[in-house]
Amino acid sequence: MGDDHGSASFGGRRGRLRRTVALVGLMGAGKTTVGRALARRLAVPFRDADAEIEKAADLSVTEIFQRLGEGEFRKGERRVIARLLEQPAFVLATGGGAYVNSDTRAVLRQQAITVWLRADLDLLMRRVLRRNTRPLLQNGDPRATMSRLMAERHPVYAQADLVVDVHDGAATDIACTIIDRLPERAFQ
């Protein structure tokens, strides 16, 4: 798919990625897994906003939520994402709540191509219950919390440049769907 100069041809388009592709959506939608596959296919770096936040704070996301609260986490998240978007084009996996913040959303929409990875409740629950690392689900009824988050966040996620439905299929298949649907302005 690529040539010796790091450019690529996708669906008749040719050129380097010139705008960051930011994946948004609920926890469990596959932003990190699909993001890695997408970055490989586009031959660009991959960044995970939560991992970058953890590095900057020298704390895990869970620890940040416990010690500082969600408000402070969101402030740090906004700063980290703005800093990352100053770099040359890459693929960014955002945290589930990042795009909900109006300031973060504005920066992402201005400086990146945003892609909502939309998944149904059953798929999200199967995925998030595999690990106990989701601060917002640390309560007695994670499914009810996820349903509430879907109701609150889906209208905001719908503002993304692209909406791609995810399933239990291979991340590379979803990455290829995204590439096929990226607008021309994403490439040089």
C-alpha atoms as a PDB file:
ATOM      1  CA  MET A   1       0.000   0.000   0.000  1.00  0.00           C
ATOM      2  CA  GLY A   2       2.844   2.438   0.516  1.00  0.00           C
ATOM      3  CA  ASP A   3       5.848   3.491  -1.496  1.00  0.00           C
ATOM      4  CA  ASP A   4       9.419   4.279  -0.546  1.00  0.00           C
ATOM      5  CA  HIS A   5       8.536   7.807   0.572  1.00  0.00           C
ATOM      6  CA  GLY A   6       5.905   7.031   3.210  1.00  0.00           C
ATOM      7  CA  SER A   7       3.008   8.149   1.050  1.00  0.00           C
ATOM      8  CA  ALA A   8       0.160   5.790   0.349  1.00  0.00           C
ATOM      9  CA  SER A   9      -2.676   5.114  -2.027  1.00  0.00           C
ATOM     10  CA  PHE A  10      -6.125   4.527  -0.572  1.00  0.00           C
ATOM     11  CA  GLY A  11      -9.184   4.197  -2.757  1.00  0.00           C
ATOM     12  CA  GLY A  12      -7.552   6.174  -5.553  1.00  0.00           C
ATOM     13  CA  ARG A  13      -6.184   8.901  -3.273  1.00  0.00           C
ATOM     14  CA  ARG A  14      -2.496   9.385  -2.959  1.00  0.00           C
ATOM     15  CA  GLY A  15      -0.424  11.293  -0.487  1.00  0.00           C
ATOM     16  CA  ARG A  16       0.674  11.608   3.079  1.00  0.00           C
ATOM     17  CA  LEU A  17      -1.720  12.060   5.929  1.00  0.00           C
ATOM     18  CA  ARG A  18      -1.643  15.786   6.669  1.00  0.00           C
ATOM     19  CA  ARG A  19      -4.286  15.969   9.414  1.00  0.00           C
ATOM     20  CA  THR A  20      -4.374  13.955  12.590  1.00  0.00           C
ATOM     21  CA  VAL A  21      -7.170  11.391  12.740  1.00  0.00           C
ATOM     22  CA  ALA A  22      -8.764  11.465  16.216  1.00  0.00           C
ATOM     23  CA  LEU A  23     -10.925   8.542  17.298  1.00  0.00           C
ATOM     24  CA  VAL A  24     -13.732   9.383  19.712  1.00  0.00           C
ATOM     25  CA  GLY A  25     -16.388   7.279  21.391  1.00  0.00           C
ATOM     26  CA  LEU A  26     -17.300   5.462  24.545  1.00  0.00           C
ATOM     27  CA  MET A  27     -14.948   3.286  26.541  1.00  0.00           C
ATOM     28  CA  GLY A  28     -14.802  -0.148  24.969  1.00  0.00           C
ATOM     29  CA  ALA A  29     -15.489   1.050  21.420  1.00  0.00           C
ATOM     30  CA  GLY A  30     -11.963   0.031  20.395  1.00  0.00           C
ATOM     31  CA  LYS A  31     -10.322   3.414  19.965  1.00  0.00           C
ATOM     32  CA  THR A  32      -6.879   2.155  21.005  1.00  0.00           C
ATOM     33  CA  THR A  33      -7.004  -1.154  19.124  1.00  0.00           C
ATOM     34  CA  VAL A  34      -8.458   0.352  15.954  1.00  0.00           C
ATOM     35  CA  GLY A  35      -6.161   3.361  16.334  1.00  0.00           C
ATOM     36  CA  ARG A  36      -3.053   1.182  16.309  1.00  0.00           C
ATOM     37  CA  ALA A  37      -4.278  -0.687  13.231  1.00  0.00           C
ATOM     38  CA  LEU A  38      -5.181   2.573  11.496  1.00  0.00           C
ATOM     39  CA  ALA A  39      -1.789   4.129  12.259  1.00  0.00           C
ATOM     40  CA  ARG A  40      -0.013   1.059  10.818  1.00  0.00           C
ATOM     41  CA  ARG A  41      -2.106   1.235   7.631  1.00  0.00           C
ATOM     42  CA  LEU A  42      -1.474   4.971   7.258  1.00  0.00           C
ATOM     43  CA  ALA A  43       2.217   4.651   8.195  1.00  0.00           C
ATOM     44  CA  VAL A  44       1.977   7.350  10.885  1.00  0.00           C
ATOM     45  CA  PRO A  45       2.559   7.335  14.655  1.00  0.00           C
ATOM     46  CA  PHE A  46      -0.161   6.319  17.110  1.00  0.00           C
ATOM     47  CA  ARG A  47      -0.840   8.193  20.361  1.00  0.00           C
ATOM     48  CA  ASP A  48      -3.219   7.246  23.153  1.00  0.00           C
ATOM     49  CA  ALA A  49      -4.419  10.327  25.039  1.00  0.00           C
ATOM     50  CA  ASP A  50      -4.932   8.419  28.310  1.00  0.00           C
ATOM     51  CA  ALA A  51      -1.390   7.000  28.155  1.00  0.00           C
ATOM     52  CA  GLU A  52      -0.014  10.480  27.460  1.00  0.00           C
ATOM     53  CA  ILE A  53      -1.993  11.897  30.399  1.00  0.00           C
ATOM     54  CA  GLU A  54      -0.655   9.161  32.681  1.00  0.00           C
ATOM     55  CA  LYS A  55       2.879   9.959  31.557  1.00  0.00           C
ATOM     56  CA  ALA A  56       2.412  13.686  32.143  1.00  0.00           C
ATOM     57  CA  ALA A  57       0.849  13.197  35.603  1.00  0.00           C
ATOM     58  CA  ASP A  58       2.975  10.194  36.637  1.00  0.00           C
ATOM     59  CA  LEU A  59      -0.318   8.646  37.814  1.00  0.00           C
ATOM     60  CA  SER A  60      -2.777   6.185  36.292  1.00  0.00           C
ATOM     61  CA  VAL A  61      -6.116   7.498  35.038  1.00  0.00           C
ATOM     62  CA  THR A  62      -7.797   5.738  37.963  1.00  0.00           C
ATOM     63  CA  GLU A  63      -5.411   7.402  40.434  1.00  0.00           C
ATOM     64  CA  ILE A  64      -6.014  10.815  38.866  1.00  0.00           C
ATOM     65  CA  PHE A  65      -9.783  10.349  39.220  1.00  0.00           C
ATOM     66  CA  GLN A  66      -9.417   9.155  42.839  1.00  0.00           C
ATOM     67  CA  ARG A  67      -6.920  11.785  43.998  1.00  0.00           C
ATOM     68  CA  LEU A  68      -7.859  14.838  41.950  1.00  0.00           C
ATOM     69  CA  GLY A  69     -11.358  14.168  40.641  1.00  0.00           C
ATOM     70  CA  GLU A  70     -12.829  14.095  37.163  1.00  0.00           C
ATOM     71  CA  GLY A  71     -12.690  17.892  36.751  1.00  0.00           C
ATOM     72  CA  GLU A  72      -8.903  18.007  37.162  1.00  0.00           C
ATOM     73  CA  PHE A  73      -8.517  14.977  34.912  1.00  0.00           C
ATOM     74  CA  ARG A  74     -10.497  16.750  32.149  1.00  0.00           C
ATOM     75  CA  LYS A  75      -8.327  19.884  32.482  1.00  0.00           C
ATOM     76  CA  GLY A  76      -5.166  17.805  32.100  1.00  0.00           C
ATOM     77  CA  GLU A  77      -6.708  15.869  29.237  1.00  0.00           C
ATOM     78  CA  ARG A  78      -7.515  19.106  27.395  1.00  0.00           C
ATOM     79  CA  ARG A  79      -3.925  20.375  27.811  1.00  0.00           C
ATOM     80  CA  VAL A  80      -2.368  17.083  26.715  1.00  0.00           C
ATOM     81  CA  ILE A  81      -4.566  16.769  23.619  1.00  0.00           C
ATOM     82  CA  ALA A  82      -3.856  20.391  22.601  1.00  0.00           C
ATOM     83  CA  ARG A  83      -0.107  19.726  22.980  1.00  0.00           C
ATOM     84  CA  LEU A  84      -0.303  16.499  20.976  1.00  0.00           C
ATOM     85  CA  LEU A  85      -2.173  18.205  18.140  1.00  0.00           C
ATOM     86  CA  GLU A  86       0.797  20.521  17.604  1.00  0.00           C
ATOM     87  CA  GLN A  87       2.753  17.517  16.246  1.00  0.00           C
ATOM     88  CA  PRO A  88       2.746  16.327  12.617  1.00  0.00           C
ATOM     89  CA  ALA A  89      -0.221  14.150  11.615  1.00  0.00           C
ATOM     90  CA  PHE A  90      -0.792  10.934  13.569  1.00  0.00           C
ATOM     91  CA  VAL A  91      -3.660   8.778  14.817  1.00  0.00           C
ATOM     92  CA  LEU A  92      -5.030   9.729  18.243  1.00  0.00           C
ATOM     93  CA  ALA A  93      -7.199   7.591  20.499  1.00  0.00           C
ATOM     94  CA  THR A  94      -9.008   9.921  22.886  1.00  0.00           C
ATOM     95  CA  GLY A  95     -10.564   9.036  26.217  1.00  0.00           C
ATOM     96  CA  GLY A  96     -14.320   8.462  26.230  1.00  0.00           C
ATOM     97  CA  GLY A  97     -15.092  11.834  27.809  1.00  0.00           C
ATOM     98  CA  ALA A  98     -12.589  13.971  25.908  1.00  0.00           C
ATOM     99  CA  TYR A  99     -14.873  14.889  23.002  1.00  0.00           C
ATOM    100  CA  VAL A 100     -17.710  15.766  25.379  1.00  0.00           C
ATOM    101  CA  ASN A 101     -15.692  18.728  26.690  1.00  0.00           C
ATOM    102  CA  SER A 102     -16.574  21.656  24.410  1.00  0.00           C
ATOM    103  CA  ASP A 103     -13.047  23.158  24.454  1.00  0.00           C
ATOM    104  CA  THR A 104     -11.386  19.827  23.655  1.00  0.00           C
ATOM    105  CA  ARG A 105     -13.992  19.106  20.978  1.00  0.00           C
ATOM    106  CA  ALA A 106     -13.374  22.493  19.337  1.00  0.00           C
ATOM    107  CA  VAL A 107      -9.610  21.902  19.186  1.00  0.00           C
ATOM    108  CA  LEU A 108     -10.096  18.385  17.799  1.00  0.00           C
ATOM    109  CA  ARG A 109     -12.559  19.542  15.153  1.00  0.00           C
ATOM    110  CA  GLN A 110     -10.276  22.419  14.137  1.00  0.00           C
ATOM    111  CA  GLN A 111      -7.014  20.463  13.975  1.00  0.00           C
ATOM    112  CA  ALA A 112      -8.003  16.866  13.224  1.00  0.00           C
ATOM    113  CA  ILE A 113     -10.420  14.647  11.360  1.00  0.00           C
ATOM    114  CA  THR A 114     -12.689  13.225  14.068  1.00  0.00           C
ATOM    115  CA  VAL A 115     -14.099   9.701  13.787  1.00  0.00           C
ATOM    116  CA  TRP A 116     -16.782   8.387  16.145  1.00  0.00           C
ATOM    117  CA  LEU A 117     -16.427   4.663  16.706  1.00  0.00           C
ATOM    118  CA  ARG A 118     -20.042   3.780  17.485  1.00  0.00           C
ATOM    119  CA  ALA A 119     -20.820   0.486  19.209  1.00  0.00           C
ATOM    120  CA  ASP A 120     -23.941  -1.002  20.752  1.00  0.00           C
ATOM    121  CA  LEU A 121     -24.399  -1.451  24.494  1.00  0.00           C
ATOM    122  CA  ASP A 122     -23.898  -5.223  24.536  1.00  0.00           C
ATOM    123  CA  LEU A 123     -20.572  -5.009  22.709  1.00  0.00           C
ATOM    124  CA  LEU A 124     -19.353  -2.193  24.960  1.00  0.00           C
ATOM    125  CA  MET A 125     -20.281  -4.108  28.104  1.00  0.00           C
ATOM    126  CA  ARG A 126     -18.558  -7.308  26.938  1.00  0.00           C
ATOM    127  CA  ARG A 127     -15.397  -5.324  26.368  1.00  0.00           C
ATOM    128  CA  VAL A 128     -15.319  -3.047  29.421  1.00  0.00           C
ATOM    129  CA  LEU A 129     -16.101  -5.779  31.914  1.00  0.00           C
ATOM    130  CA  ARG A 130     -12.918  -7.648  30.938  1.00  0.00           C
ATOM    131  CA  ARG A 131     -10.854  -5.214  33.026  1.00  0.00           C
ATOM    132  CA  ASN A 132     -11.489  -3.306  36.217  1.00  0.00           C
ATOM    133  CA  THR A 133      -9.767  -0.097  35.062  1.00  0.00           C
ATOM    134  CA  ARG A 134     -12.712   2.134  34.149  1.00  0.00           C
ATOM    135  CA  PRO A 135     -13.202   4.780  36.859  1.00  0.00           C
ATOM    136  CA  LEU A 136     -16.683   5.778  35.675  1.00  0.00           C
ATOM    137  CA  LEU A 137     -17.881   2.164  35.979  1.00  0.00           C
ATOM    138  CA  GLN A 138     -16.720   1.647  39.562  1.00  0.00           C
ATOM    139  CA  ASN A 139     -20.248   1.478  40.931  1.00  0.00           C
ATOM    140  CA  GLY A 140     -22.976  -1.070  41.573  1.00  0.00           C
ATOM    141  CA  ASP A 141     -24.498  -1.017  38.091  1.00  0.00           C
ATOM    142  CA  PRO A 142     -21.984  -0.541  35.256  1.00  0.00           C
ATOM    143  CA  ARG A 143     -24.583  -1.334  32.577  1.00  0.00           C
ATOM    144  CA  ALA A 144     -26.905   1.429  33.807  1.00  0.00           C
ATOM    145  CA  THR A 145     -23.937   3.820  33.902  1.00  0.00           C
ATOM    146  CA  MET A 146     -22.967   2.898  30.339  1.00  0.00           C
ATOM    147  CA  SER A 147     -26.577   3.360  29.179  1.00  0.00           C
ATOM    148  CA  ARG A 148     -26.643   6.807  30.770  1.00  0.00           C
ATOM    149  CA  LEU A 149     -23.294   7.714  29.167  1.00  0.00           C
ATOM    150  CA  MET A 150     -24.624   6.603  25.779  1.00  0.00           C
ATOM    151  CA  ALA A 151     -27.713   8.790  26.158  1.00  0.00           C
ATOM    152  CA  GLU A 152     -25.612  11.793  27.223  1.00  0.00           C
ATOM    153  CA  ARG A 153     -22.678  11.420  24.854  1.00  0.00           C
ATOM    154  CA  HIS A 154     -24.071  10.039  21.611  1.00  0.00           C
ATOM    155  CA  PRO A 155     -25.536  13.410  20.512  1.00  0.00           C
ATOM    156  CA  VAL A 156     -22.099  14.981  21.073  1.00  0.00           C
ATOM    157  CA  TYR A 157     -20.158  12.167  19.368  1.00  0.00           C
ATOM    158  CA  ALA A 158     -22.529  12.561  16.394  1.00  0.00           C
ATOM    159  CA  GLN A 159     -20.794  15.898  15.707  1.00  0.00           C
ATOM    160  CA  ALA A 160     -17.668  14.007  14.581  1.00  0.00           C
ATOM    161  CA  ASP A 161     -16.600  14.279  10.944  1.00  0.00           C
ATOM    162  CA  LEU A 162     -17.206  10.551  10.376  1.00  0.00           C
ATOM    163  CA  VAL A 163     -19.271   7.882  12.122  1.00  0.00           C
ATOM    164  CA  VAL A 164     -18.089   4.294  11.815  1.00  0.00           C
ATOM    165  CA  ASP A 165     -20.034   1.439  13.386  1.00  0.00           C
ATOM    166  CA  VAL A 166     -17.837  -1.108  15.150  1.00  0.00           C
ATOM    167  CA  HIS A 167     -18.437  -4.792  15.692  1.00  0.00           C
ATOM    168  CA  ASP A 168     -16.508  -7.785  16.945  1.00  0.00           C
ATOM    169  CA  GLY A 169     -14.620  -8.000  13.647  1.00  0.00           C
ATOM    170  CA  ALA A 170     -10.942  -7.365  13.110  1.00  0.00           C
ATOM    171  CA  ALA A 171      -9.583  -3.936  13.954  1.00  0.00           C
ATOM    172  CA  THR A 172      -7.872  -3.859  10.553  1.00  0.00           C
ATOM    173  CA  ASP A 173     -11.274  -4.124   8.837  1.00  0.00           C
ATOM    174  CA  ILE A 174     -12.544  -1.113  10.792  1.00  0.00           C
ATOM    175  CA  ALA A 175      -9.299   0.738  10.034  1.00  0.00           C
ATOM    176  CA  CYS A 176      -9.786   0.080   6.306  1.00  0.00           C
ATOM    177  CA  THR A 177     -13.363   1.383   6.526  1.00  0.00           C
ATOM    178  CA  ILE A 178     -12.071   4.578   8.125  1.00  0.00           C
ATOM    179  CA  ILE A 179      -9.384   5.008   5.471  1.00  0.00           C
ATOM    180  CA  ASP A 180     -11.938   4.534   2.696  1.00  0.00           C
ATOM    181  CA  ARG A 181     -14.122   7.230   4.219  1.00  0.00           C
ATOM    182  CA  LEU A 182     -11.458   9.822   5.107  1.00  0.00           C
ATOM    183  CA  PRO A 183     -12.048  13.079   3.250  1.00  0.00           C
ATOM    184  CA  GLU A 184      -9.523  14.378   0.724  1.00  0.00           C
ATOM    185  CA  ARG A 185      -8.518  17.157   3.149  1.00  0.00           C
ATOM    186  CA  ALA A 186      -6.931  14.480   5.348  1.00  0.00           C
ATOM    187  CA  PHE A 187      -4.190  13.950   2.749  1.00  0.00           C
ATOM    188  CA  GLN A 188      -1.508  16.095   1.119  1.00  0.00           C
END
